Amino acid sequence: VVVGELGAARSARSLEAALDRCRQSPSEPLAASV
């Protein structure tokens, strides 16, 4: 966001959400969304 890469910022936030979902199911392999 600071350097104006808003698309990358949105993508990183989506990745963060996908990783958080994986953290809630730690015994599962990474989701395809990650």
Full PDB file with SEQRES, HELIX, SHEET, SSBOND, CRYST1, ORIGX, SCALE, CONECT and MASTER records, all heavy atoms in Angstrom:
SEQRES   1 A   34  VAL VAL VAL GLY GLU LEU GLY ALA ALA ARG SER ALA ARG          
SEQRES   2 A   34  SER LEU GLU ALA ALA LEU ASP ARG CYS ARG GLN SER PRO          
SEQRES   3 A   34  SER GLU PRO LEU ALA ALA SER VAL                              
HELIX    1 AA1 LEU A    6  GLN A   24  1                                  19    
CRYST1    1.000    1.000    1.000  90.00  90.00  90.00 P 1           1          
ORIGX1      1.000000  0.000000  0.000000        0.00000                         
ORIGX2      0.000000  1.000000  0.000000        0.00000                         
ORIGX3      0.000000  0.000000  1.000000        0.00000                         
SCALE1      1.000000  0.000000  0.000000        0.00000                         
SCALE2      0.000000  1.000000  0.000000        0.00000                         
SCALE3      0.000000  0.000000  1.000000        0.00000                         
ATOM      1  N   VAL A   1       0.841  -1.204   0.000  1.00  0.00           N  
ATOM      2  CA  VAL A   1       0.000   0.000   0.000  1.00  0.00           C  
ATOM      3  C   VAL A   1       0.872   1.249   0.000  1.00  0.00           C  
ATOM      4  O   VAL A   1       0.629   2.203  -0.739  1.00  0.00           O  
ATOM      5  CB  VAL A   1      -0.966   0.006   1.205  1.00  0.00           C  
ATOM      6  CG1 VAL A   1      -1.647   1.354   1.359  1.00  0.00           C  
ATOM      7  CG2 VAL A   1      -2.003  -1.099   1.070  1.00  0.00           C  
ATOM      8  N   VAL A   2       1.918   1.240   0.819  1.00  0.00           N  
ATOM      9  CA  VAL A   2       2.795   2.403   0.960  1.00  0.00           C  
ATOM     10  C   VAL A   2       3.422   2.787  -0.375  1.00  0.00           C  
ATOM     11  O   VAL A   2       3.571   3.970  -0.678  1.00  0.00           O  
ATOM     12  CB  VAL A   2       3.880   2.143   2.031  1.00  0.00           C  
ATOM     13  CG1 VAL A   2       4.924   3.244   2.045  1.00  0.00           C  
ATOM     14  CG2 VAL A   2       3.237   2.006   3.403  1.00  0.00           C  
ATOM     15  N   VAL A   3       3.799   1.770  -1.192  1.00  0.00           N  
ATOM     16  CA  VAL A   3       4.449   2.069  -2.471  1.00  0.00           C  
ATOM     17  C   VAL A   3       3.466   2.104  -3.641  1.00  0.00           C  
ATOM     18  O   VAL A   3       3.871   2.201  -4.787  1.00  0.00           O  
ATOM     19  CB  VAL A   3       5.611   1.096  -2.769  1.00  0.00           C  
ATOM     20  CG1 VAL A   3       6.704   1.215  -1.713  1.00  0.00           C  
ATOM     21  CG2 VAL A   3       5.121  -0.326  -2.908  1.00  0.00           C  
ATOM     22  N   GLY A   4       2.167   2.029  -3.334  1.00  0.00           N  
ATOM     23  CA  GLY A   4       1.155   2.170  -4.380  1.00  0.00           C  
ATOM     24  C   GLY A   4       0.847   0.910  -5.163  1.00  0.00           C  
ATOM     25  O   GLY A   4       0.221   0.968  -6.216  1.00  0.00           O  
ATOM     26  N   GLU A   5       1.243  -0.232  -4.655  1.00  0.00           N  
ATOM     27  CA  GLU A   5       0.955  -1.513  -5.309  1.00  0.00           C  
ATOM     28  C   GLU A   5      -0.341  -2.087  -4.729  1.00  0.00           C  
ATOM     29  O   GLU A   5      -0.337  -3.059  -3.979  1.00  0.00           O  
ATOM     30  CB  GLU A   5       2.124  -2.485  -5.122  1.00  0.00           C  
ATOM     31  CG  GLU A   5       3.367  -2.101  -5.865  1.00  0.00           C  
ATOM     32  CD  GLU A   5       3.255  -2.333  -7.364  1.00  0.00           C  
ATOM     33  OE1 GLU A   5       2.346  -3.068  -7.817  1.00  0.00           O  
ATOM     34  OE2 GLU A   5       4.090  -1.764  -8.093  1.00  0.00           O  
ATOM     35  N   LEU A   6      -1.454  -1.473  -5.104  1.00  0.00           N  
ATOM     36  CA  LEU A   6      -2.726  -1.838  -4.475  1.00  0.00           C  
ATOM     37  C   LEU A   6      -3.208  -3.233  -4.855  1.00  0.00           C  
ATOM     38  O   LEU A   6      -3.798  -3.934  -4.030  1.00  0.00           O  
ATOM     39  CB  LEU A   6      -3.769  -0.778  -4.795  1.00  0.00           C  
ATOM     40  CG  LEU A   6      -3.397   0.637  -4.333  1.00  0.00           C  
ATOM     41  CD1 LEU A   6      -4.531   1.612  -4.633  1.00  0.00           C  
ATOM     42  CD2 LEU A   6      -3.034   0.657  -2.865  1.00  0.00           C  
ATOM     43  N   GLY A   7      -2.947  -3.657  -6.081  1.00  0.00           N  
ATOM     44  CA  GLY A   7      -3.316  -5.019  -6.476  1.00  0.00           C  
ATOM     45  C   GLY A   7      -2.551  -6.047  -5.665  1.00  0.00           C  
ATOM     46  O   GLY A   7      -3.115  -7.049  -5.215  1.00  0.00           O  
ATOM     47  N   ALA A   8      -1.278  -5.812  -5.467  1.00  0.00           N  
ATOM     48  CA  ALA A   8      -0.457  -6.715  -4.648  1.00  0.00           C  
ATOM     49  C   ALA A   8      -0.927  -6.697  -3.200  1.00  0.00           C  
ATOM     50  O   ALA A   8      -0.943  -7.733  -2.537  1.00  0.00           O  
ATOM     51  CB  ALA A   8       1.016  -6.331  -4.748  1.00  0.00           C  
ATOM     52  N   ALA A   9      -1.322  -5.535  -2.716  1.00  0.00           N  
ATOM     53  CA  ALA A   9      -1.823  -5.430  -1.349  1.00  0.00           C  
ATOM     54  C   ALA A   9      -3.093  -6.269  -1.180  1.00  0.00           C  
ATOM     55  O   ALA A   9      -3.224  -7.010  -0.200  1.00  0.00           O  
ATOM     56  CB  ALA A   9      -2.090  -3.979  -0.978  1.00  0.00           C  
ATOM     57  N   ARG A  10      -3.997  -6.176  -2.142  1.00  0.00           N  
ATOM     58  CA  ARG A  10      -5.239  -6.975  -2.074  1.00  0.00           C  
ATOM     59  C   ARG A  10      -4.925  -8.472  -2.130  1.00  0.00           C  
ATOM     60  O   ARG A  10      -5.507  -9.271  -1.390  1.00  0.00           O  
ATOM     61  CB  ARG A  10      -6.189  -6.585  -3.196  1.00  0.00           C  
ATOM     62  CG  ARG A  10      -6.929  -5.286  -2.947  1.00  0.00           C  
ATOM     63  CD  ARG A  10      -8.035  -5.060  -3.971  1.00  0.00           C  
ATOM     64  NE  ARG A  10      -7.496  -4.840  -5.303  1.00  0.00           N  
ATOM     65  CZ  ARG A  10      -7.053  -3.671  -5.773  1.00  0.00           C  
ATOM     66  NH1 ARG A  10      -7.099  -2.610  -5.008  1.00  0.00           N  
ATOM     67  NH2 ARG A  10      -6.579  -3.579  -6.987  1.00  0.00           N  
ATOM     68  N   SER A  11      -4.013  -8.833  -3.007  1.00  0.00           N  
ATOM     69  CA  SER A  11      -3.632 -10.239  -3.125  1.00  0.00           C  
ATOM     70  C   SER A  11      -3.000 -10.748  -1.836  1.00  0.00           C  
ATOM     71  O   SER A  11      -3.308 -11.856  -1.373  1.00  0.00           O  
ATOM     72  CB  SER A  11      -2.667 -10.409  -4.307  1.00  0.00           C  
ATOM     73  OG  SER A  11      -2.267 -11.747  -4.423  1.00  0.00           O  
ATOM     74  N   ALA A  12      -2.131  -9.952  -1.247  1.00  0.00           N  
ATOM     75  CA  ALA A  12      -1.494 -10.355   0.011  1.00  0.00           C  
ATOM     76  C   ALA A  12      -2.525 -10.488   1.128  1.00  0.00           C  
ATOM     77  O   ALA A  12      -2.420 -11.389   1.972  1.00  0.00           O  
ATOM     78  CB  ALA A  12      -0.402  -9.362   0.394  1.00  0.00           C  
ATOM     79  N   ARG A  13      -3.524  -9.626   1.148  1.00  0.00           N  
ATOM     80  CA  ARG A  13      -4.596  -9.748   2.160  1.00  0.00           C  
ATOM     81  C   ARG A  13      -5.405 -11.023   1.939  1.00  0.00           C  
ATOM     82  O   ARG A  13      -5.786 -11.706   2.900  1.00  0.00           O  
ATOM     83  CB  ARG A  13      -5.524  -8.527   2.115  1.00  0.00           C  
ATOM     84  CG  ARG A  13      -4.901  -7.253   2.599  1.00  0.00           C  
ATOM     85  CD  ARG A  13      -4.784  -7.222   4.109  1.00  0.00           C  
ATOM     86  NE  ARG A  13      -4.241  -5.936   4.515  1.00  0.00           N  
ATOM     87  CZ  ARG A  13      -3.202  -5.779   5.310  1.00  0.00           C  
ATOM     88  NH1 ARG A  13      -2.609  -6.816   5.832  1.00  0.00           N  
ATOM     89  NH2 ARG A  13      -2.754  -4.589   5.610  1.00  0.00           N  
ATOM     90  N   SER A  14      -5.662 -11.359   0.673  1.00  0.00           N  
ATOM     91  CA  SER A  14      -6.373 -12.607   0.378  1.00  0.00           C  
ATOM     92  C   SER A  14      -5.545 -13.809   0.803  1.00  0.00           C  
ATOM     93  O   SER A  14      -6.076 -14.785   1.334  1.00  0.00           O  
ATOM     94  CB  SER A  14      -6.695 -12.698  -1.120  1.00  0.00           C  
ATOM     95  OG  SER A  14      -7.628 -11.716  -1.484  1.00  0.00           O  
ATOM     96  N   LEU A  15      -4.240 -13.729   0.572  1.00  0.00           N  
ATOM     97  CA  LEU A  15      -3.340 -14.800   1.013  1.00  0.00           C  
ATOM     98  C   LEU A  15      -3.361 -14.917   2.530  1.00  0.00           C  
ATOM     99  O   LEU A  15      -3.422 -16.016   3.078  1.00  0.00           O  
ATOM    100  CB  LEU A  15      -1.924 -14.534   0.514  1.00  0.00           C  
ATOM    101  CG  LEU A  15      -0.842 -15.479   1.035  1.00  0.00           C  
ATOM    102  CD1 LEU A  15      -1.155 -16.930   0.697  1.00  0.00           C  
ATOM    103  CD2 LEU A  15       0.516 -15.064   0.478  1.00  0.00           C  
ATOM    104  N   GLU A  16      -3.325 -13.786   3.186  1.00  0.00           N  
ATOM    105  CA  GLU A  16      -3.369 -13.777   4.651  1.00  0.00           C  
ATOM    106  C   GLU A  16      -4.633 -14.483   5.154  1.00  0.00           C  
ATOM    107  O   GLU A  16      -4.583 -15.302   6.080  1.00  0.00           O  
ATOM    108  CB  GLU A  16      -3.319 -12.336   5.142  1.00  0.00           C  
ATOM    109  CG  GLU A  16      -3.068 -12.169   6.596  1.00  0.00           C  
ATOM    110  CD  GLU A  16      -2.949 -10.709   7.007  1.00  0.00           C  
ATOM    111  OE1 GLU A  16      -3.067  -9.790   6.170  1.00  0.00           O  
ATOM    112  OE2 GLU A  16      -2.723 -10.503   8.206  1.00  0.00           O  
ATOM    113  N   ALA A  17      -5.761 -14.208   4.528  1.00  0.00           N  
ATOM    114  CA  ALA A  17      -7.018 -14.847   4.926  1.00  0.00           C  
ATOM    115  C   ALA A  17      -6.979 -16.349   4.667  1.00  0.00           C  
ATOM    116  O   ALA A  17      -7.431 -17.144   5.503  1.00  0.00           O  
ATOM    117  CB  ALA A  17      -8.188 -14.202   4.186  1.00  0.00           C  
ATOM    118  N   ALA A  18      -6.422 -16.755   3.532  1.00  0.00           N  
ATOM    119  CA  ALA A  18      -6.324 -18.187   3.217  1.00  0.00           C  
ATOM    120  C   ALA A  18      -5.407 -18.893   4.207  1.00  0.00           C  
ATOM    121  O   ALA A  18      -5.693 -20.009   4.656  1.00  0.00           O  
ATOM    122  CB  ALA A  18      -5.823 -18.367   1.781  1.00  0.00           C  
ATOM    123  N   LEU A  19      -4.300 -18.248   4.556  1.00  0.00           N  
ATOM    124  CA  LEU A  19      -3.386 -18.830   5.544  1.00  0.00           C  
ATOM    125  C   LEU A  19      -4.047 -18.929   6.915  1.00  0.00           C  
ATOM    126  O   LEU A  19      -3.842 -19.913   7.637  1.00  0.00           O  
ATOM    127  CB  LEU A  19      -2.113 -17.994   5.639  1.00  0.00           C  
ATOM    128  CG  LEU A  19      -1.152 -18.119   4.459  1.00  0.00           C  
ATOM    129  CD1 LEU A  19      -0.137 -16.991   4.488  1.00  0.00           C  
ATOM    130  CD2 LEU A  19      -0.470 -19.477   4.463  1.00  0.00           C  
ATOM    131  N   ASP A  20      -4.834 -17.944   7.270  1.00  0.00           N  
ATOM    132  CA  ASP A  20      -5.526 -17.976   8.560  1.00  0.00           C  
ATOM    133  C   ASP A  20      -6.516 -19.137   8.602  1.00  0.00           C  
ATOM    134  O   ASP A  20      -6.645 -19.806   9.629  1.00  0.00           O  
ATOM    135  CB  ASP A  20      -6.220 -16.647   8.827  1.00  0.00           C  
ATOM    136  CG  ASP A  20      -6.672 -16.545  10.268  1.00  0.00           C  
ATOM    137  OD1 ASP A  20      -5.863 -16.847  11.176  1.00  0.00           O  
ATOM    138  OD2 ASP A  20      -7.845 -16.174  10.496  1.00  0.00           O  
ATOM    139  N   ARG A  21      -7.189 -19.390   7.490  1.00  0.00           N  
ATOM    140  CA  ARG A  21      -8.104 -20.544   7.444  1.00  0.00           C  
ATOM    141  C   ARG A  21      -7.318 -21.844   7.635  1.00  0.00           C  
ATOM    142  O   ARG A  21      -7.778 -22.754   8.322  1.00  0.00           O  
ATOM    143  CB  ARG A  21      -8.884 -20.564   6.128  1.00  0.00           C  
ATOM    144  CG  ARG A  21      -9.958 -19.496   6.055  1.00  0.00           C  
ATOM    145  CD  ARG A  21     -10.881 -19.674   4.852  1.00  0.00           C  
ATOM    146  NE  ARG A  21     -10.193 -19.542   3.581  1.00  0.00           N  
ATOM    147  CZ  ARG A  21      -9.948 -18.386   2.954  1.00  0.00           C  
ATOM    148  NH1 ARG A  21     -10.350 -17.246   3.497  1.00  0.00           N  
ATOM    149  NH2 ARG A  21      -9.322 -18.362   1.797  1.00  0.00           N  
ATOM    150  N   CYS A  22      -6.130 -21.935   7.042  1.00  0.00           N  
ATOM    151  CA  CYS A  22      -5.286 -23.121   7.219  1.00  0.00           C  
ATOM    152  C   CYS A  22      -4.842 -23.259   8.672  1.00  0.00           C  
ATOM    153  O   CYS A  22      -4.743 -24.373   9.185  1.00  0.00           O  
ATOM    154  CB  CYS A  22      -4.065 -23.045   6.312  1.00  0.00           C  
ATOM    155  SG  CYS A  22      -4.454 -23.287   4.572  1.00  0.00           S  
ATOM    156  N   ARG A  23      -4.571 -22.147   9.301  1.00  0.00           N  
ATOM    157  CA  ARG A  23      -4.145 -22.177  10.705  1.00  0.00           C  
ATOM    158  C   ARG A  23      -5.257 -22.744  11.587  1.00  0.00           C  
ATOM    159  O   ARG A  23      -4.993 -23.390  12.593  1.00  0.00           O  
ATOM    160  CB  ARG A  23      -3.761 -20.777  11.173  1.00  0.00           C  
ATOM    161  CG  ARG A  23      -3.155 -20.761  12.553  1.00  0.00           C  
ATOM    162  CD  ARG A  23      -2.655 -19.423  12.940  1.00  0.00           C  
ATOM    163  NE  ARG A  23      -3.745 -18.446  12.903  1.00  0.00           N  
ATOM    164  CZ  ARG A  23      -3.646 -17.214  13.340  1.00  0.00           C  
ATOM    165  NH1 ARG A  23      -2.513 -16.778  13.833  1.00  0.00           N  
ATOM    166  NH2 ARG A  23      -4.661 -16.384  13.282  1.00  0.00           N  
ATOM    167  N   GLN A  24      -6.493 -22.538  11.191  1.00  0.00           N  
ATOM    168  CA  GLN A  24      -7.618 -23.045  11.969  1.00  0.00           C  
ATOM    169  C   GLN A  24      -7.808 -24.548  11.791  1.00  0.00           C  
ATOM    170  O   GLN A  24      -8.498 -25.180  12.587  1.00  0.00           O  
ATOM    171  CB  GLN A  24      -8.888 -22.291  11.591  1.00  0.00           C  
ATOM    172  CG  GLN A  24      -8.823 -20.826  11.986  1.00  0.00           C  
ATOM    173  CD  GLN A  24      -9.982 -20.024  11.443  1.00  0.00           C  
ATOM    174  OE1 GLN A  24     -11.020 -20.559  11.078  1.00  0.00           O  
ATOM    175  NE2 GLN A  24      -9.803 -18.710  11.384  1.00  0.00           N  
ATOM    176  N   SER A  25      -7.211 -25.124  10.733  1.00  0.00           N  
ATOM    177  CA  SER A  25      -7.250 -26.575  10.493  1.00  0.00           C  
ATOM    178  C   SER A  25      -5.824 -27.077  10.312  1.00  0.00           C  
ATOM    179  O   SER A  25      -5.421 -27.457   9.218  1.00  0.00           O  
ATOM    180  CB  SER A  25      -8.076 -26.883   9.241  1.00  0.00           C  
ATOM    181  OG  SER A  25      -9.395 -26.456   9.383  1.00  0.00           O  
ATOM    182  N   PRO A  26      -5.033 -27.096  11.367  1.00  0.00           N  
ATOM    183  CA  PRO A  26      -3.602 -27.353  11.248  1.00  0.00           C  
ATOM    184  C   PRO A  26      -3.220 -28.755  10.790  1.00  0.00           C  
ATOM    185  O   PRO A  26      -2.105 -28.969  10.352  1.00  0.00           O  
ATOM    186  CB  PRO A  26      -3.076 -27.087  12.664  1.00  0.00           C  
ATOM    187  CG  PRO A  26      -4.246 -27.268  13.547  1.00  0.00           C  
ATOM    188  CD  PRO A  26      -5.450 -26.870  12.738  1.00  0.00           C  
ATOM    189  N   SER A  27      -4.112 -29.717  10.855  1.00  0.00           N  
ATOM    190  CA  SER A  27      -3.752 -31.069  10.452  1.00  0.00           C  
ATOM    191  C   SER A  27      -3.938 -31.305   8.954  1.00  0.00           C  
ATOM    192  O   SER A  27      -3.592 -32.354   8.446  1.00  0.00           O  
ATOM    193  CB  SER A  27      -4.574 -32.088  11.242  1.00  0.00           C  
ATOM    194  OG  SER A  27      -5.944 -31.931  10.940  1.00  0.00           O  
ATOM    195  N   GLU A  28      -4.466 -30.314   8.273  1.00  0.00           N  
ATOM    196  CA  GLU A  28      -4.722 -30.441   6.838  1.00  0.00           C  
ATOM    197  C   GLU A  28      -3.565 -29.866   6.032  1.00  0.00           C  
ATOM    198  O   GLU A  28      -2.915 -28.915   6.465  1.00  0.00           O  
ATOM    199  CB  GLU A  28      -6.005 -29.690   6.470  1.00  0.00           C  
ATOM    200  CG  GLU A  28      -7.251 -30.199   7.158  1.00  0.00           C  
ATOM    201  CD  GLU A  28      -7.625 -31.598   6.715  1.00  0.00           C  
ATOM    202  OE1 GLU A  28      -7.476 -31.909   5.518  1.00  0.00           O  
ATOM    203  OE2 GLU A  28      -8.053 -32.385   7.571  1.00  0.00           O  
ATOM    204  N   PRO A  29      -3.309 -30.420   4.838  1.00  0.00           N  
ATOM    205  CA  PRO A  29      -2.326 -29.788   3.956  1.00  0.00           C  
ATOM    206  C   PRO A  29      -2.818 -28.401   3.554  1.00  0.00           C  
ATOM    207  O   PRO A  29      -3.991 -28.065   3.737  1.00  0.00           O  
ATOM    208  CB  PRO A  29      -2.277 -30.705   2.739  1.00  0.00           C  
ATOM    209  CG  PRO A  29      -2.931 -31.978   3.163  1.00  0.00           C  
ATOM    210  CD  PRO A  29      -3.863 -31.634   4.289  1.00  0.00           C  
ATOM    211  N   LEU A  30      -1.933 -27.605   3.008  1.00  0.00           N  
ATOM    212  CA  LEU A  30      -2.325 -26.264   2.575  1.00  0.00           C  
ATOM    213  C   LEU A  30      -3.457 -26.339   1.563  1.00  0.00           C  
ATOM    214  O   LEU A  30      -3.467 -27.209   0.687  1.00  0.00           O  
ATOM    215  CB  LEU A  30      -1.141 -25.538   1.936  1.00  0.00           C  
ATOM    216  CG  LEU A  30      -0.114 -24.984   2.887  1.00  0.00           C  
ATOM    217  CD1 LEU A  30       1.034 -24.374   2.098  1.00  0.00           C  
ATOM    218  CD2 LEU A  30      -0.708 -23.956   3.815  1.00  0.00           C  
ATOM    219  N   ALA A  31      -4.371 -25.432   1.682  1.00  0.00           N  
ATOM    220  CA  ALA A  31      -5.478 -25.361   0.743  1.00  0.00           C  
ATOM    221  C   ALA A  31      -4.981 -24.865  -0.608  1.00  0.00           C  
ATOM    222  O   ALA A  31      -4.002 -24.122  -0.695  1.00  0.00           O  
ATOM    223  CB  ALA A  31      -6.550 -24.417   1.283  1.00  0.00           C  
ATOM    224  N   ALA A  32      -5.660 -25.268  -1.661  1.00  0.00           N  
ATOM    225  CA  ALA A  32      -5.312 -24.813  -3.007  1.00  0.00           C  
ATOM    226  C   ALA A  32      -5.381 -23.299  -3.101  1.00  0.00           C  
ATOM    227  O   ALA A  32      -4.644 -22.690  -3.887  1.00  0.00           O  
ATOM    228  CB  ALA A  32      -6.239 -25.464  -4.023  1.00  0.00           C  
ATOM    229  N   SER A  33      -6.227 -22.683  -2.285  1.00  0.00           N  
ATOM    230  CA  SER A  33      -6.343 -21.223  -2.320  1.00  0.00           C  
ATOM    231  C   SER A  33      -5.040 -20.546  -1.915  1.00  0.00           C  
ATOM    232  O   SER A  33      -4.721 -19.467  -2.419  1.00  0.00           O  
ATOM    233  CB  SER A  33      -7.490 -20.744  -1.424  1.00  0.00           C  
ATOM    234  OG  SER A  33      -7.268 -21.139  -0.082  1.00  0.00           O  
ATOM    235  N   VAL A  34      -4.259 -21.176  -1.032  1.00  0.00           N  
ATOM    236  CA  VAL A  34      -2.975 -20.593  -0.636  1.00  0.00           C  
ATOM    237  C   VAL A  34      -2.028 -20.577  -1.831  1.00  0.00           C  
ATOM    238  O   VAL A  34      -1.414 -19.555  -2.136  1.00  0.00           O  
ATOM    239  CB  VAL A  34      -2.355 -21.359   0.558  1.00  0.00           C  
ATOM    240  CG1 VAL A  34      -0.925 -20.904   0.807  1.00  0.00           C  
ATOM    241  CG2 VAL A  34      -3.207 -21.170   1.807  1.00  0.00           C  
TER     242      VAL A  34                                                      
MASTER        0    0    0    1    0    0    0    6  241    1    0    3          
END                                                                             
